[in-house]
Amino acid sequence: MNLSITHRSLLRRFAGITLIALVGCGPAADGAASEAGETEEAEDVSTVTASSNAREPRLPLPQPTGERAVGARIWEYQIEVTKDTVPAGETEFHVVNAGRDEHWLIVRAEGLFEATPHLLPGDSAVLRVDLQPGEYTLVCTIRDEFDHISEGERRSFVVR
């Protein structure tokens, strides 16, 4: 396991917990500021909570041109591509991490393992792979508090 990933993940969670704790530390409710003659307008404070939109992508799907150019957007437990089938030859995967966690895109098949570098949120990369006809799997194998591939971050890809 890559310890820097674990430390980064823990730091993110600590920062989130700290933010939630600080949001709750507003002005005193007992009116102490009012007693001192100060007037203070109420602020609209919203709390940070986990919700279903945490799985929504935060960036658009890249739209490269060319018959063997594939746009790929990866985020929490999802991989979306502009096309599922391409002709054989050098294929370019234009990948963006549209999520909140670290991800990477791997092109796998028997005897083949090609991958982007690990991508932090908002990062992008172009992966060029010479693909022969056959079936491939696109996956993210990051393991933080979840195993991304087990959570569904994989999809089939065909080369004709």
N, C-alpha and C. Protein backbone atom coordinates (compact mmCIF):
# COMPACT_ATOMS: atom_id res chain seq x y z
N MET A 1 0.85 -1.19 0.00
CA MET A 1 0.00 0.00 0.00
C MET A 1 0.88 1.23 0.00
N ASN A 2 0.54 2.21 -0.78
CA ASN A 2 1.28 3.45 -0.87
C ASN A 2 0.91 4.31 0.32
N LEU A 3 1.87 4.52 1.22
CA LEU A 3 1.57 5.25 2.45
C LEU A 3 1.19 6.69 2.20
N SER A 4 1.74 7.31 1.14
CA SER A 4 1.37 8.70 0.88
C SER A 4 -0.10 8.83 0.55
N ILE A 5 -0.69 7.82 -0.10
CA ILE A 5 -2.12 7.85 -0.38
C ILE A 5 -2.91 7.79 0.92
N THR A 6 -2.49 6.89 1.81
CA THR A 6 -3.17 6.75 3.09
C THR A 6 -3.08 8.04 3.89
N HIS A 7 -1.88 8.63 3.96
CA HIS A 7 -1.71 9.86 4.71
C HIS A 7 -2.55 10.98 4.09
N ARG A 8 -2.54 11.09 2.76
CA ARG A 8 -3.31 12.13 2.09
C ARG A 8 -4.80 11.94 2.38
N SER A 9 -5.26 10.69 2.34
CA SER A 9 -6.67 10.40 2.61
C SER A 9 -7.02 10.79 4.04
N LEU A 10 -6.16 10.46 4.98
CA LEU A 10 -6.41 10.80 6.39
C LEU A 10 -6.41 12.31 6.59
N LEU A 11 -5.49 13.01 5.92
CA LEU A 11 -5.44 14.46 6.05
C LEU A 11 -6.70 15.10 5.49
N ARG A 12 -7.22 14.57 4.35
CA ARG A 12 -8.45 15.09 3.78
C ARG A 12 -9.60 14.94 4.77
N ARG A 13 -9.70 13.78 5.39
CA ARG A 13 -10.78 13.53 6.33
C ARG A 13 -10.65 14.43 7.56
N PHE A 14 -9.41 14.60 8.06
CA PHE A 14 -9.18 15.46 9.20
C PHE A 14 -9.58 16.90 8.86
N ALA A 15 -9.21 17.36 7.66
CA ALA A 15 -9.58 18.72 7.24
C ALA A 15 -11.09 18.87 7.17
N GLY A 16 -11.78 17.86 6.65
CA GLY A 16 -13.25 17.90 6.56
C GLY A 16 -13.90 17.95 7.92
N ILE A 17 -13.39 17.14 8.86
CA ILE A 17 -13.94 17.12 10.22
C ILE A 17 -13.69 18.46 10.89
N THR A 18 -12.49 19.02 10.69
CA THR A 18 -12.16 20.31 11.27
C THR A 18 -13.08 21.39 10.72
N LEU A 19 -13.34 21.35 9.40
CA LEU A 19 -14.24 22.33 8.79
C LEU A 19 -15.63 22.24 9.39
N ILE A 20 -16.14 21.03 9.55
CA ILE A 20 -17.47 20.85 10.14
C ILE A 20 -17.48 21.38 11.57
N ALA A 21 -16.43 21.11 12.33
CA ALA A 21 -16.36 21.58 13.72
C ALA A 21 -16.31 23.10 13.77
N LEU A 22 -15.55 23.72 12.85
CA LEU A 22 -15.45 25.18 12.85
C LEU A 22 -16.76 25.84 12.43
N VAL A 23 -17.47 25.23 11.51
CA VAL A 23 -18.76 25.78 11.08
C VAL A 23 -19.71 25.85 12.27
N GLY A 24 -19.63 24.86 13.16
CA GLY A 24 -20.49 24.84 14.34
C GLY A 24 -20.07 25.82 15.41
N CYS A 25 -18.90 26.45 15.28
CA CYS A 25 -18.39 27.38 16.29
C CYS A 25 -18.71 28.81 15.89
N GLY A 26 -19.96 29.13 15.76
CA GLY A 26 -20.39 30.49 15.41
C GLY A 26 -20.43 31.37 16.63
N PRO A 27 -21.10 32.52 16.54
CA PRO A 27 -21.22 33.43 17.69
C PRO A 27 -21.96 32.76 18.84
N ALA A 28 -21.69 33.22 20.03
CA ALA A 28 -22.32 32.63 21.21
C ALA A 28 -23.82 32.83 21.15
N ALA A 29 -24.54 31.81 21.52
CA ALA A 29 -26.00 31.86 21.48
C ALA A 29 -26.58 32.57 22.69
N ASP A 30 -25.76 32.88 23.68
CA ASP A 30 -26.29 33.46 24.91
C ASP A 30 -26.46 34.97 24.84
N GLY A 31 -26.13 35.56 23.66
CA GLY A 31 -26.33 37.00 23.50
C GLY A 31 -25.22 37.83 24.09
N ALA A 32 -24.07 37.26 24.39
CA ALA A 32 -22.96 37.99 24.98
C ALA A 32 -22.55 39.17 24.12
N ALA A 33 -22.55 39.02 22.81
CA ALA A 33 -22.16 40.13 21.94
C ALA A 33 -23.18 41.26 22.04
N SER A 34 -24.46 40.94 22.15
CA SER A 34 -25.51 41.96 22.24
C SER A 34 -25.40 42.73 23.54
N GLU A 35 -25.04 42.04 24.63
CA GLU A 35 -24.93 42.70 25.92
C GLU A 35 -23.81 43.71 25.92
N ALA A 36 -22.80 43.48 25.10
CA ALA A 36 -21.66 44.39 25.06
C ALA A 36 -21.96 45.59 24.17
N GLY A 37 -23.16 45.67 23.63
CA GLY A 37 -23.54 46.80 22.80
C GLY A 37 -23.24 46.58 21.32
N GLU A 38 -22.72 45.43 20.98
CA GLU A 38 -22.39 45.16 19.58
C GLU A 38 -23.60 44.57 18.90
N THR A 39 -23.79 44.95 17.66
CA THR A 39 -24.86 44.32 16.89
C THR A 39 -24.21 43.44 15.83
N GLU A 40 -24.82 42.33 15.62
CA GLU A 40 -24.26 41.38 14.66
C GLU A 40 -25.41 40.81 13.84
N GLU A 41 -25.24 40.85 12.54
CA GLU A 41 -26.26 40.27 11.68
C GLU A 41 -26.07 38.77 11.63
N ALA A 42 -27.18 38.06 11.55
CA ALA A 42 -27.12 36.60 11.46
C ALA A 42 -26.56 36.20 10.11
N GLU A 43 -25.68 35.24 10.12
CA GLU A 43 -25.11 34.71 8.89
C GLU A 43 -25.84 33.44 8.51
N ASP A 44 -25.93 33.23 7.21
CA ASP A 44 -26.50 31.99 6.71
C ASP A 44 -25.37 30.96 6.68
N VAL A 45 -25.39 30.03 7.60
CA VAL A 45 -24.33 29.03 7.71
C VAL A 45 -24.90 27.69 7.25
N SER A 46 -24.20 27.08 6.31
CA SER A 46 -24.64 25.76 5.86
C SER A 46 -23.64 24.73 6.34
N THR A 47 -24.13 23.57 6.65
CA THR A 47 -23.24 22.51 7.11
C THR A 47 -22.87 21.61 5.95
N VAL A 48 -21.72 20.99 6.09
CA VAL A 48 -21.22 20.08 5.08
C VAL A 48 -21.65 18.67 5.44
N THR A 49 -22.36 18.03 4.55
CA THR A 49 -22.78 16.66 4.80
C THR A 49 -22.52 15.81 3.59
N ALA A 50 -22.37 14.52 3.80
CA ALA A 50 -22.23 13.59 2.69
C ALA A 50 -23.59 13.42 2.05
N SER A 51 -23.62 13.39 0.74
CA SER A 51 -24.88 13.22 0.05
C SER A 51 -24.67 12.43 -1.23
N SER A 52 -25.75 12.15 -1.92
CA SER A 52 -25.65 11.37 -3.14
C SER A 52 -24.90 12.12 -4.22
N ASN A 53 -24.85 13.47 -4.18
CA ASN A 53 -24.13 14.18 -5.22
C ASN A 53 -22.61 14.07 -5.06
N ALA A 54 -22.14 13.42 -4.00
CA ALA A 54 -20.72 13.18 -3.86
C ALA A 54 -20.23 12.26 -4.97
N ARG A 55 -21.13 11.52 -5.59
CA ARG A 55 -20.76 10.64 -6.70
C ARG A 55 -20.97 11.30 -8.05
N GLU A 56 -21.30 12.57 -8.09
CA GLU A 56 -21.47 13.28 -9.35
C GLU A 56 -20.10 13.76 -9.83
N PRO A 57 -19.84 13.66 -11.13
CA PRO A 57 -18.56 14.16 -11.64
C PRO A 57 -18.50 15.67 -11.54
N ARG A 58 -17.31 16.19 -11.29
CA ARG A 58 -17.15 17.62 -11.12
C ARG A 58 -16.58 18.31 -12.36
N LEU A 59 -16.15 17.53 -13.36
CA LEU A 59 -15.59 18.08 -14.59
C LEU A 59 -16.22 17.40 -15.79
N PRO A 60 -16.23 18.07 -16.95
CA PRO A 60 -16.84 17.47 -18.13
C PRO A 60 -16.00 16.34 -18.72
N LEU A 61 -16.65 15.48 -19.49
CA LEU A 61 -16.00 14.39 -20.20
C LEU A 61 -15.21 14.97 -21.36
N PRO A 62 -13.88 14.67 -21.44
CA PRO A 62 -13.09 15.16 -22.58
C PRO A 62 -13.68 14.65 -23.90
N GLN A 63 -13.61 15.47 -24.95
CA GLN A 63 -14.17 15.12 -26.26
C GLN A 63 -13.08 15.20 -27.33
N PRO A 64 -12.10 14.29 -27.29
CA PRO A 64 -11.06 14.33 -28.32
C PRO A 64 -11.61 13.89 -29.68
N THR A 65 -10.93 14.29 -30.76
CA THR A 65 -11.36 13.90 -32.10
C THR A 65 -10.42 12.84 -32.66
N GLY A 66 -10.94 12.04 -33.55
CA GLY A 66 -10.15 10.97 -34.18
C GLY A 66 -10.77 9.62 -33.87
N GLU A 67 -10.62 8.69 -34.82
CA GLU A 67 -11.29 7.39 -34.65
C GLU A 67 -10.71 6.55 -33.52
N ARG A 68 -9.46 6.82 -33.12
CA ARG A 68 -8.87 6.07 -32.00
C ARG A 68 -8.56 6.98 -30.81
N ALA A 69 -9.28 8.08 -30.71
CA ALA A 69 -9.14 8.98 -29.55
C ALA A 69 -10.37 8.79 -28.67
N VAL A 70 -10.11 8.51 -27.41
CA VAL A 70 -11.18 8.20 -26.46
C VAL A 70 -11.13 9.18 -25.29
N GLY A 71 -12.23 9.86 -25.04
CA GLY A 71 -12.34 10.69 -23.85
C GLY A 71 -12.73 9.79 -22.68
N ALA A 72 -12.09 9.99 -21.55
CA ALA A 72 -12.40 9.17 -20.36
C ALA A 72 -12.48 10.08 -19.14
N ARG A 73 -13.57 9.90 -18.38
CA ARG A 73 -13.77 10.66 -17.14
C ARG A 73 -13.89 9.65 -16.03
N ILE A 74 -13.06 9.81 -15.01
CA ILE A 74 -13.08 8.89 -13.87
C ILE A 74 -13.42 9.68 -12.61
N TRP A 75 -14.23 9.07 -11.77
CA TRP A 75 -14.57 9.65 -10.47
C TRP A 75 -15.04 8.53 -9.58
N GLU A 76 -15.50 8.84 -8.41
CA GLU A 76 -15.81 7.85 -7.39
C GLU A 76 -16.67 6.71 -7.95
N TYR A 77 -15.95 5.63 -8.26
CA TYR A 77 -16.50 4.33 -8.63
C TYR A 77 -17.19 4.34 -9.98
N GLN A 78 -16.74 5.23 -10.87
CA GLN A 78 -17.30 5.32 -12.22
C GLN A 78 -16.18 5.56 -13.23
N ILE A 79 -16.35 4.98 -14.41
CA ILE A 79 -15.51 5.30 -15.55
C ILE A 79 -16.47 5.53 -16.72
N GLU A 80 -16.38 6.69 -17.33
CA GLU A 80 -17.22 7.03 -18.47
C GLU A 80 -16.30 7.29 -19.66
N VAL A 81 -16.64 6.75 -20.82
CA VAL A 81 -15.84 6.95 -22.03
C VAL A 81 -16.72 7.46 -23.17
N THR A 82 -16.09 8.12 -24.14
CA THR A 82 -16.84 8.63 -25.29
C THR A 82 -17.17 7.53 -26.28
N LYS A 83 -16.41 6.44 -26.27
CA LYS A 83 -16.71 5.30 -27.13
C LYS A 83 -16.20 4.03 -26.49
N ASP A 84 -16.96 2.94 -26.69
CA ASP A 84 -16.61 1.63 -26.12
C ASP A 84 -15.85 0.75 -27.10
N THR A 85 -15.75 1.16 -28.36
CA THR A 85 -15.11 0.36 -29.40
C THR A 85 -14.28 1.27 -30.31
N VAL A 86 -13.06 0.83 -30.62
CA VAL A 86 -12.19 1.56 -31.55
C VAL A 86 -11.51 0.56 -32.47
N PRO A 87 -11.01 1.02 -33.63
CA PRO A 87 -10.23 0.14 -34.50
C PRO A 87 -8.84 -0.12 -33.88
N ALA A 88 -8.21 -1.21 -34.27
CA ALA A 88 -6.88 -1.56 -33.76
C ALA A 88 -5.88 -0.47 -34.14
N GLY A 89 -4.87 -0.32 -33.31
CA GLY A 89 -3.80 0.65 -33.56
C GLY A 89 -3.54 1.47 -32.31
N GLU A 90 -2.71 2.52 -32.48
CA GLU A 90 -2.39 3.36 -31.33
C GLU A 90 -3.62 4.16 -30.92
N THR A 91 -4.05 3.94 -29.69
CA THR A 91 -5.25 4.57 -29.16
C THR A 91 -4.83 5.58 -28.09
N GLU A 92 -5.46 6.74 -28.13
CA GLU A 92 -5.20 7.78 -27.12
C GLU A 92 -6.38 7.90 -26.19
N PHE A 93 -6.13 7.72 -24.91
CA PHE A 93 -7.14 7.93 -23.88
C PHE A 93 -6.87 9.29 -23.24
N HIS A 94 -7.80 10.23 -23.42
CA HIS A 94 -7.70 11.56 -22.81
C HIS A 94 -8.50 11.49 -21.51
N VAL A 95 -7.78 11.40 -20.39
CA VAL A 95 -8.38 11.07 -19.10
C VAL A 95 -8.40 12.29 -18.17
N VAL A 96 -9.54 12.49 -17.50
CA VAL A 96 -9.64 13.53 -16.49
C VAL A 96 -10.19 12.90 -15.21
N ASN A 97 -9.61 13.28 -14.08
CA ASN A 97 -10.13 12.87 -12.78
C ASN A 97 -11.17 13.91 -12.38
N ALA A 98 -12.45 13.54 -12.50
CA ALA A 98 -13.55 14.45 -12.20
C ALA A 98 -14.11 14.22 -10.80
N GLY A 99 -13.37 13.51 -9.97
CA GLY A 99 -13.86 13.18 -8.64
C GLY A 99 -13.21 13.97 -7.54
N ARG A 100 -13.42 13.49 -6.32
CA ARG A 100 -12.88 14.13 -5.13
C ARG A 100 -11.69 13.37 -4.55
N ASP A 101 -11.44 12.16 -5.08
CA ASP A 101 -10.35 11.33 -4.60
C ASP A 101 -9.34 11.08 -5.71
N GLU A 102 -8.23 10.51 -5.34
CA GLU A 102 -7.21 10.13 -6.32
C GLU A 102 -7.69 8.94 -7.15
N HIS A 103 -7.40 8.95 -8.45
CA HIS A 103 -7.76 7.86 -9.35
C HIS A 103 -6.66 7.68 -10.38
N TRP A 104 -6.72 6.59 -11.12
CA TRP A 104 -5.89 6.40 -12.30
C TRP A 104 -6.63 5.46 -13.23
N LEU A 105 -6.30 5.51 -14.51
CA LEU A 105 -6.95 4.65 -15.49
C LEU A 105 -5.95 3.61 -15.95
N ILE A 106 -6.37 2.35 -15.89
CA ILE A 106 -5.54 1.23 -16.34
C ILE A 106 -6.26 0.54 -17.49
N VAL A 107 -5.51 0.24 -18.55
CA VAL A 107 -6.02 -0.57 -19.66
C VAL A 107 -5.40 -1.95 -19.45
N ARG A 108 -6.29 -2.96 -19.24
CA ARG A 108 -5.83 -4.31 -18.91
C ARG A 108 -6.34 -5.33 -19.92
N ALA A 109 -5.49 -6.31 -20.17
CA ALA A 109 -5.86 -7.50 -20.96
C ALA A 109 -4.77 -8.53 -20.67
N GLU A 110 -4.94 -9.73 -21.21
CA GLU A 110 -3.92 -10.76 -21.04
C GLU A 110 -2.58 -10.23 -21.55
N GLY A 111 -1.61 -10.11 -20.66
CA GLY A 111 -0.27 -9.65 -21.04
C GLY A 111 -0.14 -8.14 -21.23
N LEU A 112 -1.15 -7.37 -20.87
CA LEU A 112 -1.09 -5.91 -21.05
C LEU A 112 -1.55 -5.21 -19.77
N PHE A 113 -0.76 -4.24 -19.35
CA PHE A 113 -1.11 -3.39 -18.21
C PHE A 113 -0.49 -2.03 -18.49
N GLU A 114 -1.30 -1.11 -18.98
CA GLU A 114 -0.84 0.26 -19.25
C GLU A 114 -1.69 1.20 -18.42
N ALA A 115 -1.07 2.23 -17.84
CA ALA A 115 -1.81 3.09 -16.93
C ALA A 115 -1.34 4.54 -16.98
N THR A 116 -2.25 5.43 -16.63
CA THR A 116 -1.90 6.83 -16.41
C THR A 116 -1.16 6.90 -15.07
N PRO A 117 -0.51 8.00 -14.80
CA PRO A 117 -0.03 8.20 -13.42
C PRO A 117 -1.24 8.36 -12.50
N HIS A 118 -1.03 8.28 -11.21
CA HIS A 118 -2.12 8.56 -10.27
C HIS A 118 -2.51 10.02 -10.48
N LEU A 119 -3.81 10.26 -10.60
CA LEU A 119 -4.32 11.60 -10.86
C LEU A 119 -5.06 12.14 -9.64
N LEU A 120 -4.65 13.30 -9.18
CA LEU A 120 -5.34 13.97 -8.10
C LEU A 120 -6.60 14.63 -8.67
N PRO A 121 -7.56 15.01 -7.84
CA PRO A 121 -8.77 15.65 -8.34
C PRO A 121 -8.44 16.83 -9.27
N GLY A 122 -9.07 16.82 -10.45
CA GLY A 122 -8.85 17.88 -11.44
C GLY A 122 -7.71 17.63 -12.40
N ASP A 123 -6.84 16.66 -12.10
CA ASP A 123 -5.71 16.36 -12.99
C ASP A 123 -6.18 15.62 -14.23
N SER A 124 -5.39 15.70 -15.28
CA SER A 124 -5.69 14.97 -16.51
C SER A 124 -4.40 14.42 -17.09
N ALA A 125 -4.54 13.46 -18.00
CA ALA A 125 -3.39 12.83 -18.65
C ALA A 125 -3.84 12.24 -19.97
N VAL A 126 -2.88 12.02 -20.86
CA VAL A 126 -3.15 11.31 -22.11
C VAL A 126 -2.33 10.03 -22.07
N LEU A 127 -3.03 8.90 -22.24
CA LEU A 127 -2.39 7.59 -22.25
C LEU A 127 -2.45 7.06 -23.68
N ARG A 128 -1.28 6.75 -24.27
CA ARG A 128 -1.22 6.19 -25.63
C ARG A 128 -0.83 4.72 -25.53
N VAL A 129 -1.69 3.89 -26.13
CA VAL A 129 -1.47 2.44 -26.07
C VAL A 129 -1.73 1.86 -27.45
N ASP A 130 -0.80 1.00 -27.93
CA ASP A 130 -0.99 0.30 -29.19
C ASP A 130 -1.83 -0.94 -28.90
N LEU A 131 -3.08 -0.92 -29.33
CA LEU A 131 -4.02 -1.99 -29.00
C LEU A 131 -4.31 -2.88 -30.20
N GLN A 132 -4.23 -4.17 -29.96
CA GLN A 132 -4.57 -5.18 -30.95
C GLN A 132 -6.04 -5.54 -30.80
N PRO A 133 -6.66 -6.14 -31.83
CA PRO A 133 -8.07 -6.54 -31.69
C PRO A 133 -8.27 -7.44 -30.47
N GLY A 134 -9.36 -7.19 -29.76
CA GLY A 134 -9.68 -8.00 -28.58
C GLY A 134 -10.50 -7.22 -27.57
N GLU A 135 -10.73 -7.87 -26.44
CA GLU A 135 -11.49 -7.25 -25.36
C GLU A 135 -10.53 -6.82 -24.25
N TYR A 136 -10.77 -5.63 -23.74
CA TYR A 136 -9.94 -5.04 -22.71
C TYR A 136 -10.83 -4.62 -21.54
N THR A 137 -10.19 -4.35 -20.42
CA THR A 137 -10.91 -3.82 -19.26
C THR A 137 -10.24 -2.51 -18.86
N LEU A 138 -11.06 -1.50 -18.63
CA LEU A 138 -10.58 -0.23 -18.09
C LEU A 138 -10.93 -0.23 -16.61
N VAL A 139 -9.94 0.00 -15.76
CA VAL A 139 -10.16 -0.08 -14.31
C VAL A 139 -9.39 1.00 -13.56
N CYS A 140 -9.80 1.22 -12.33
CA CYS A 140 -9.03 2.00 -11.36
C CYS A 140 -8.83 1.07 -10.16
N THR A 141 -7.58 0.84 -9.79
CA THR A 141 -7.30 -0.08 -8.68
C THR A 141 -6.85 0.62 -7.41
N ILE A 142 -7.13 1.91 -7.30
CA ILE A 142 -6.78 2.63 -6.07
C ILE A 142 -7.50 1.97 -4.89
N ARG A 143 -6.78 1.87 -3.80
CA ARG A 143 -7.38 1.39 -2.55
C ARG A 143 -7.14 2.44 -1.49
N ASP A 144 -8.22 3.10 -1.09
CA ASP A 144 -8.15 3.99 0.06
C ASP A 144 -9.08 3.39 1.09
N GLU A 145 -10.08 4.10 1.55
CA GLU A 145 -11.02 3.45 2.48
C GLU A 145 -11.91 2.47 1.73
N PHE A 146 -11.92 2.55 0.40
CA PHE A 146 -12.66 1.62 -0.45
C PHE A 146 -11.73 1.06 -1.51
N ASP A 147 -12.05 -0.11 -2.00
CA ASP A 147 -11.35 -0.71 -3.12
C ASP A 147 -12.12 -0.28 -4.37
N HIS A 148 -11.57 0.63 -5.14
CA HIS A 148 -12.31 1.24 -6.25
C HIS A 148 -12.83 0.23 -7.26
N ILE A 149 -12.04 -0.76 -7.61
CA ILE A 149 -12.50 -1.74 -8.60
C ILE A 149 -13.67 -2.56 -8.06
N SER A 150 -13.64 -2.91 -6.78
CA SER A 150 -14.74 -3.67 -6.18
C SER A 150 -16.01 -2.82 -6.07
N GLU A 151 -15.85 -1.51 -6.01
CA GLU A 151 -16.99 -0.59 -5.92
C GLU A 151 -17.60 -0.31 -7.30
N GLY A 152 -17.00 -0.86 -8.35
CA GLY A 152 -17.59 -0.72 -9.68
C GLY A 152 -16.81 0.17 -10.64
N GLU A 153 -15.63 0.60 -10.27
CA GLU A 153 -14.85 1.48 -11.14
C GLU A 153 -14.09 0.64 -12.18
N ARG A 154 -14.88 0.12 -13.13
CA ARG A 154 -14.34 -0.72 -14.22
C ARG A 154 -15.36 -0.75 -15.35
N ARG A 155 -14.88 -1.03 -16.55
CA ARG A 155 -15.79 -1.17 -17.70
C ARG A 155 -15.05 -1.92 -18.82
N SER A 156 -15.83 -2.52 -19.69
CA SER A 156 -15.29 -3.25 -20.85
C SER A 156 -14.98 -2.28 -21.97
N PHE A 157 -14.01 -2.66 -22.81
CA PHE A 157 -13.59 -1.86 -23.93
C PHE A 157 -13.18 -2.82 -25.05
N VAL A 158 -13.63 -2.56 -26.28
CA VAL A 158 -13.39 -3.50 -27.39
C VAL A 158 -12.56 -2.82 -28.47
N VAL A 159 -11.60 -3.57 -29.01
CA VAL A 159 -10.80 -3.11 -30.15
C VAL A 159 -11.07 -4.05 -31.30
N ARG A 160 -11.46 -3.53 -32.46
CA ARG A 160 -11.80 -4.35 -33.65
C ARG A 160 -10.67 -4.38 -34.64
